[in-house]
């Protein structure tokens, strides 16, 4: 019984150690029933502080108020989030909730648009960091993608090789099978004539 208790306690401790990994953040772009889009970003407070230190090295985080930290985080996110490469997209109704897990929320003020090209470079200078991107439209399939240094924190990955190369292989394989089929028919006829 003692071993089981120790195992449960150790599992709970290990789970809590990984709960707020500073190398992971999430960004969710969700369409509501009114066809409007909202953005939710979560990241550990430590990650936000590291990003602020990277962008504003002269700022002493210990000497500024939580409201100023919220403004810095919000400014950093808004500058580094680009949707469809459109600089005219407005982010409204913004809120920042500072806690061990910081949450940033805002709405996108633009009608008739769909987020197809996302660049989120707020945390790109942090070592070994990645961001889980989720795009959740109301009328189509949900998209999940990992933004990291490999894809330069871009969705879709820039200069991504086309899948058309795979289609060429299928085309070449089928083209080589067609002559084999005709040769087989031809040789079967010749072989049947010889055997008679």
C-alpha atoms as a PDB file:
ATOM      1  CA  UNK A   1       0.000   0.000   0.000  1.00  0.00           C
ATOM      2  CA  UNK A   2       2.880   2.346   0.795  1.00  0.00           C
ATOM      3  CA  UNK A   3       4.394   1.774  -2.661  1.00  0.00           C
ATOM      4  CA  UNK A   4       1.098   2.588  -4.364  1.00  0.00           C
ATOM      5  CA  UNK A   5       0.780   5.851  -2.411  1.00  0.00           C
ATOM      6  CA  UNK A   6       4.342   6.814  -3.303  1.00  0.00           C
ATOM      7  CA  UNK A   7       3.698   6.025  -6.951  1.00  0.00           C
ATOM      8  CA  UNK A   8       0.548   8.164  -7.024  1.00  0.00           C
ATOM      9  CA  UNK A   9       2.295  11.068  -5.289  1.00  0.00           C
ATOM     10  CA  UNK A  10       5.283  10.886  -7.637  1.00  0.00           C
ATOM     11  CA  UNK A  11       2.998  10.791 -10.687  1.00  0.00           C
ATOM     12  CA  UNK A  12       1.123  13.855  -9.444  1.00  0.00           C
ATOM     13  CA  UNK A  13       4.394  15.703  -8.847  1.00  0.00           C
ATOM     14  CA  UNK A  14       5.719  14.857 -12.301  1.00  0.00           C
ATOM     15  CA  UNK A  15       2.417  15.936 -13.866  1.00  0.00           C
ATOM     16  CA  UNK A  16       2.512  19.281 -12.059  1.00  0.00           C
ATOM     17  CA  UNK A  17       6.104  19.920 -13.147  1.00  0.00           C
ATOM     18  CA  UNK A  18       5.127  19.714 -16.820  1.00  0.00           C
ATOM     19  CA  UNK A  19       1.876  21.636 -16.445  1.00  0.00           C
ATOM     20  CA  UNK A  20       3.351  25.054 -17.261  1.00  0.00           C
ATOM     21  CA  UNK A  21       6.150  24.343 -19.676  1.00  0.00           C
ATOM     22  CA  UNK A  22       7.667  27.692 -20.757  1.00  0.00           C
ATOM     23  CA  UNK A  23       8.475  26.195 -24.159  1.00  0.00           C
ATOM     24  CA  UNK A  24       4.801  25.772 -25.111  1.00  0.00           C
ATOM     25  CA  UNK A  25       2.105  28.302 -25.920  1.00  0.00           C
ATOM     26  CA  UNK A  26      -1.219  27.995 -27.724  1.00  0.00           C
ATOM     27  CA  UNK A  27      -3.154  30.201 -30.082  1.00  0.00           C
ATOM     28  CA  UNK A  28      -6.747  29.422 -30.996  1.00  0.00           C
ATOM     29  CA  UNK A  29      -8.595  31.322 -33.699  1.00  0.00           C
ATOM     30  CA  UNK A  30     -12.263  30.449 -33.300  1.00  0.00           C
ATOM     31  CA  UNK A  31     -15.295  31.464 -35.332  1.00  0.00           C
ATOM     32  CA  UNK A  32     -18.473  32.008 -33.323  1.00  0.00           C
ATOM     33  CA  UNK A  33     -22.088  31.503 -34.424  1.00  0.00           C
ATOM     34  CA  UNK A  34     -22.252  35.105 -35.719  1.00  0.00           C
ATOM     35  CA  UNK A  35     -19.410  34.328 -38.177  1.00  0.00           C
ATOM     36  CA  UNK A  36     -17.067  36.603 -36.204  1.00  0.00           C
ATOM     37  CA  UNK A  37     -13.577  35.434 -35.241  1.00  0.00           C
ATOM     38  CA  UNK A  38     -11.928  35.530 -31.817  1.00  0.00           C
ATOM     39  CA  UNK A  39      -8.338  34.851 -30.819  1.00  0.00           C
ATOM     40  CA  UNK A  40      -7.300  33.127 -27.569  1.00  0.00           C
ATOM     41  CA  UNK A  41      -3.630  32.901 -26.682  1.00  0.00           C
ATOM     42  CA  UNK A  42      -2.305  31.125 -23.612  1.00  0.00           C
ATOM     43  CA  UNK A  43       1.282  31.061 -22.461  1.00  0.00           C
ATOM     44  CA  UNK A  44       3.036  30.745 -19.125  1.00  0.00           C
ATOM     45  CA  UNK A  45       3.712  34.102 -17.503  1.00  0.00           C
ATOM     46  CA  UNK A  46       7.423  33.253 -17.506  1.00  0.00           C
ATOM     47  CA  UNK A  47       7.320  32.861 -21.308  1.00  0.00           C
ATOM     48  CA  UNK A  48       5.664  36.273 -21.653  1.00  0.00           C
ATOM     49  CA  UNK A  49       8.281  37.805 -19.374  1.00  0.00           C
ATOM     50  CA  UNK A  50      11.079  36.267 -21.454  1.00  0.00           C
ATOM     51  CA  UNK A  51       9.523  37.646 -24.651  1.00  0.00           C
ATOM     52  CA  UNK A  52       9.230  41.110 -23.072  1.00  0.00           C
ATOM     53  CA  UNK A  53      12.892  40.952 -21.983  1.00  0.00           C
ATOM     54  CA  UNK A  54      13.852  39.942 -25.527  1.00  0.00           C
ATOM     55  CA  UNK A  55      11.873  42.765 -27.176  1.00  0.00           C
ATOM     56  CA  UNK A  56      12.395  45.455 -24.513  1.00  0.00           C
ATOM     57  CA  UNK A  57      15.739  44.689 -22.806  1.00  0.00           C
ATOM     58  CA  UNK A  58      15.786  47.973 -20.846  1.00  0.00           C
ATOM     59  CA  UNK A  59      12.456  47.326 -19.110  1.00  0.00           C
ATOM     60  CA  UNK A  60      12.752  46.232 -15.484  1.00  0.00           C
ATOM     61  CA  UNK A  61       9.730  43.958 -14.972  1.00  0.00           C
ATOM     62  CA  UNK A  62      10.031  44.144 -11.180  1.00  0.00           C
ATOM     63  CA  UNK A  63       9.503  47.888 -11.171  1.00  0.00           C
ATOM     64  CA  UNK A  64       6.409  48.178 -13.375  1.00  0.00           C
ATOM     65  CA  UNK A  65       2.774  47.580 -12.515  1.00  0.00           C
ATOM     66  CA  UNK A  66       0.706  44.622 -13.664  1.00  0.00           C
ATOM     67  CA  UNK A  67      -1.319  46.960 -15.919  1.00  0.00           C
ATOM     68  CA  UNK A  68       1.865  48.003 -17.701  1.00  0.00           C
ATOM     69  CA  UNK A  69       2.899  44.352 -18.070  1.00  0.00           C
ATOM     70  CA  UNK A  70      -0.508  43.582 -19.568  1.00  0.00           C
ATOM     71  CA  UNK A  71      -0.081  46.430 -22.062  1.00  0.00           C
ATOM     72  CA  UNK A  72       3.407  45.231 -23.002  1.00  0.00           C
ATOM     73  CA  UNK A  73       2.181  41.666 -23.534  1.00  0.00           C
ATOM     74  CA  UNK A  74      -0.815  42.807 -25.565  1.00  0.00           C
ATOM     75  CA  UNK A  75       1.336  45.123 -27.681  1.00  0.00           C
ATOM     76  CA  UNK A  76       3.877  42.358 -28.256  1.00  0.00           C
ATOM     77  CA  UNK A  77       1.175  39.901 -29.349  1.00  0.00           C
ATOM     78  CA  UNK A  78      -0.619  42.373 -31.629  1.00  0.00           C
ATOM     79  CA  UNK A  79       2.611  43.398 -33.359  1.00  0.00           C
ATOM     80  CA  UNK A  80       3.702  39.796 -33.941  1.00  0.00           C
ATOM     81  CA  UNK A  81       0.377  38.241 -35.001  1.00  0.00           C
ATOM     82  CA  UNK A  82      -0.266  38.556 -38.709  1.00  0.00           C
ATOM     83  CA  UNK A  83      -3.360  37.029 -40.276  1.00  0.00           C
ATOM     84  CA  UNK A  84      -3.512  36.611 -44.074  1.00  0.00           C
ATOM     85  CA  UNK A  85      -0.708  39.190 -44.322  1.00  0.00           C
ATOM     86  CA  UNK A  86      -3.302  41.950 -43.921  1.00  0.00           C
ATOM     87  CA  UNK A  87      -1.995  44.911 -41.872  1.00  0.00           C
ATOM     88  CA  UNK A  88      -5.503  46.446 -41.769  1.00  0.00           C
ATOM     89  CA  UNK A  89      -7.046  43.744 -39.584  1.00  0.00           C
ATOM     90  CA  UNK A  90      -8.156  45.341 -36.313  1.00  0.00           C
ATOM     91  CA  UNK A  91      -8.067  43.538 -32.992  1.00  0.00           C
ATOM     92  CA  UNK A  92     -10.812  44.771 -30.648  1.00  0.00           C
ATOM     93  CA  UNK A  93     -12.194  43.919 -27.188  1.00  0.00           C
ATOM     94  CA  UNK A  94      -8.765  42.866 -25.982  1.00  0.00           C
ATOM     95  CA  UNK A  95      -8.196  41.423 -22.528  1.00  0.00           C
ATOM     96  CA  UNK A  96      -5.128  40.074 -20.769  1.00  0.00           C
ATOM     97  CA  UNK A  97      -5.408  37.912 -17.703  1.00  0.00           C
ATOM     98  CA  UNK A  98      -2.118  37.663 -15.846  1.00  0.00           C
ATOM     99  CA  UNK A  99      -1.676  34.491 -13.866  1.00  0.00           C
ATOM    100  CA  UNK A 100       0.713  31.584 -13.787  1.00  0.00           C
ATOM    101  CA  UNK A 101      -0.860  30.762 -17.175  1.00  0.00           C
ATOM    102  CA  UNK A 102      -1.412  34.084 -18.962  1.00  0.00           C
ATOM    103  CA  UNK A 103      -4.407  34.389 -21.281  1.00  0.00           C
ATOM    104  CA  UNK A 104      -4.765  36.970 -24.023  1.00  0.00           C
ATOM    105  CA  UNK A 105      -8.122  37.413 -25.756  1.00  0.00           C
ATOM    106  CA  UNK A 106      -9.398  39.667 -28.516  1.00  0.00           C
ATOM    107  CA  UNK A 107     -11.873  39.756 -31.376  1.00  0.00           C
ATOM    108  CA  UNK A 108     -11.049  40.311 -35.027  1.00  0.00           C
ATOM    109  CA  UNK A 109     -12.980  43.159 -36.606  1.00  0.00           C
ATOM    110  CA  UNK A 110     -13.249  42.119 -40.230  1.00  0.00           C
ATOM    111  CA  UNK A 111     -16.198  40.756 -42.157  1.00  0.00           C
ATOM    112  CA  UNK A 112     -16.114  37.967 -44.728  1.00  0.00           C
ATOM    113  CA  UNK A 113     -12.681  36.620 -44.100  1.00  0.00           C
ATOM    114  CA  UNK A 114     -11.123  33.306 -43.233  1.00  0.00           C
ATOM    115  CA  UNK A 115      -7.717  32.910 -41.556  1.00  0.00           C
ATOM    116  CA  UNK A 116      -5.639  31.003 -44.100  1.00  0.00           C
ATOM    117  CA  UNK A 117      -2.159  32.422 -43.513  1.00  0.00           C
ATOM    118  CA  UNK A 118      -0.990  32.880 -39.911  1.00  0.00           C
ATOM    119  CA  UNK A 119       2.308  34.259 -38.646  1.00  0.00           C
ATOM    120  CA  UNK A 120       2.785  34.368 -34.875  1.00  0.00           C
ATOM    121  CA  UNK A 121       6.345  35.365 -33.951  1.00  0.00           C
ATOM    122  CA  UNK A 122       5.861  36.654 -30.417  1.00  0.00           C
ATOM    123  CA  UNK A 123       7.897  33.839 -28.879  1.00  0.00           C
ATOM    124  CA  UNK A 124      10.104  32.926 -31.847  1.00  0.00           C
ATOM    125  CA  UNK A 125      13.336  34.150 -30.222  1.00  0.00           C
ATOM    126  CA  UNK A 126      12.894  31.894 -27.185  1.00  0.00           C
ATOM    127  CA  UNK A 127      14.975  28.751 -27.125  1.00  0.00           C
ATOM    128  CA  UNK A 128      13.204  25.602 -28.327  1.00  0.00           C
ATOM    129  CA  UNK A 129       9.760  27.178 -28.147  1.00  0.00           C
ATOM    130  CA  UNK A 130       6.728  26.059 -30.124  1.00  0.00           C
ATOM    131  CA  UNK A 131       3.154  27.242 -30.387  1.00  0.00           C
ATOM    132  CA  UNK A 132       0.159  25.031 -30.987  1.00  0.00           C
ATOM    133  CA  UNK A 133      -2.156  26.723 -33.497  1.00  0.00           C
ATOM    134  CA  UNK A 134      -5.831  25.785 -33.752  1.00  0.00           C
ATOM    135  CA  UNK A 135      -8.185  27.300 -36.297  1.00  0.00           C
ATOM    136  CA  UNK A 136     -11.809  26.379 -35.583  1.00  0.00           C
ATOM    137  CA  UNK A 137     -14.312  27.524 -38.222  1.00  0.00           C
ATOM    138  CA  UNK A 138     -18.022  26.859 -37.755  1.00  0.00           C
ATOM    139  CA  UNK A 139     -18.629  25.311 -41.156  1.00  0.00           C
ATOM    140  CA  UNK A 140     -15.475  23.390 -42.019  1.00  0.00           C
ATOM    141  CA  UNK A 141     -12.795  21.157 -40.571  1.00  0.00           C
ATOM    142  CA  UNK A 142     -10.691  22.255 -37.615  1.00  0.00           C
ATOM    143  CA  UNK A 143      -6.996  22.853 -38.355  1.00  0.00           C
ATOM    144  CA  UNK A 144      -4.258  22.027 -35.878  1.00  0.00           C
ATOM    145  CA  UNK A 145      -0.672  22.988 -36.645  1.00  0.00           C
ATOM    146  CA  UNK A 146       2.552  23.420 -34.691  1.00  0.00           C
ATOM    147  CA  UNK A 147       4.392  26.695 -35.196  1.00  0.00           C
ATOM    148  CA  UNK A 148       8.129  26.418 -34.525  1.00  0.00           C
ATOM    149  CA  UNK A 149      11.529  27.452 -35.868  1.00  0.00           C
ATOM    150  CA  UNK A 150      11.359  24.843 -38.653  1.00  0.00           C
ATOM    151  CA  UNK A 151       8.389  26.580 -40.264  1.00  0.00           C
ATOM    152  CA  UNK A 152       9.432  30.067 -39.058  1.00  0.00           C
ATOM    153  CA  UNK A 153       6.257  30.287 -36.955  1.00  0.00           C
ATOM    154  CA  UNK A 154       4.182  30.431 -40.150  1.00  0.00           C
ATOM    155  CA  UNK A 155       1.089  28.551 -41.232  1.00  0.00           C
ATOM    156  CA  UNK A 156       1.174  27.206 -43.852  1.00  0.00           C
ATOM    157  CA  UNK A 157       4.891  26.609 -43.962  1.00  0.00           C
ATOM    158  CA  UNK A 158       6.554  28.939 -46.433  1.00  0.00           C
ATOM    159  CA  UNK A 159       8.230  27.227 -49.391  1.00  0.00           C
ATOM    160  CA  UNK A 160       6.570  23.975 -48.475  1.00  0.00           C
ATOM    161  CA  UNK A 161       7.217  21.391 -51.184  1.00  0.00           C
ATOM    162  CA  UNK A 162       4.184  20.582 -53.254  1.00  0.00           C
ATOM    163  CA  UNK A 163       2.517  17.233 -53.047  1.00  0.00           C
ATOM    164  CA  UNK A 164       2.371  17.240 -56.860  1.00  0.00           C
ATOM    165  CA  UNK A 165       5.685  15.364 -56.938  1.00  0.00           C
ATOM    166  CA  UNK A 166       3.884  12.407 -55.403  1.00  0.00           C
ATOM    167  CA  UNK A 167       1.244  12.663 -58.125  1.00  0.00           C
ATOM    168  CA  UNK A 168       3.969  12.541 -60.777  1.00  0.00           C
ATOM    169  CA  UNK A 169       5.221   9.258 -59.300  1.00  0.00           C
ATOM    170  CA  UNK A 170       1.752   7.778 -59.516  1.00  0.00           C
ATOM    171  CA  UNK A 171       1.415   8.973 -63.099  1.00  0.00           C
ATOM    172  CA  UNK A 172       4.819   7.531 -64.073  1.00  0.00           C
ATOM    173  CA  UNK A 173       4.051   4.214 -62.382  1.00  0.00           C
ATOM    174  CA  UNK A 174       0.720   3.883 -64.169  1.00  0.00           C
ATOM    175  CA  UNK A 175       2.328   4.859 -67.492  1.00  0.00           C
ATOM    176  CA  UNK A 176       4.908   2.103 -67.085  1.00  0.00           C
ATOM    177  CA  UNK A 177       2.239  -0.488 -66.230  1.00  0.00           C
ATOM    178  CA  UNK A 178       0.195   0.167 -69.387  1.00  0.00           C
ATOM    179  CA  UNK A 179       2.953  -1.012 -71.790  1.00  0.00           C
ATOM    180  CA  UNK A 180       3.543  -4.070 -69.588  1.00  0.00           C
ATOM    181  CA  UNK A 181      -0.140  -4.935 -69.888  1.00  0.00           C
ATOM    182  CA  UNK A 182      -0.016  -4.740 -73.712  1.00  0.00           C
ATOM    183  CA  UNK A 183       3.218  -6.735 -73.873  1.00  0.00           C
ATOM    184  CA  UNK A 184       1.642  -9.421 -71.735  1.00  0.00           C
ATOM    185  CA  UNK A 185      -1.376  -9.665 -74.064  1.00  0.00           C
ATOM    186  CA  UNK A 186       0.921  -9.758 -77.099  1.00  0.00           C
ATOM    187  CA  UNK A 187       3.167 -12.471 -75.625  1.00  0.00           C
ATOM    188  CA  UNK A 188       0.172 -14.503 -74.407  1.00  0.00           C
ATOM    189  CA  UNK A 189      -1.197 -14.559 -77.996  1.00  0.00           C
ATOM    190  CA  UNK A 190       2.184 -15.573 -79.430  1.00  0.00           C
ATOM    191  CA  UNK A 191       2.654 -18.201 -76.746  1.00  0.00           C
ATOM    192  CA  UNK A 192      -0.836 -19.660 -77.407  1.00  0.00           C
ATOM    193  CA  UNK A 193      -0.076 -19.787 -81.165  1.00  0.00           C
ATOM    194  CA  UNK A 194       3.217 -21.611 -80.516  1.00  0.00           C
ATOM    195  CA  UNK A 195       1.638 -24.128 -78.164  1.00  0.00           C
ATOM    196  CA  UNK A 196      -1.056 -25.143 -80.700  1.00  0.00           C
END
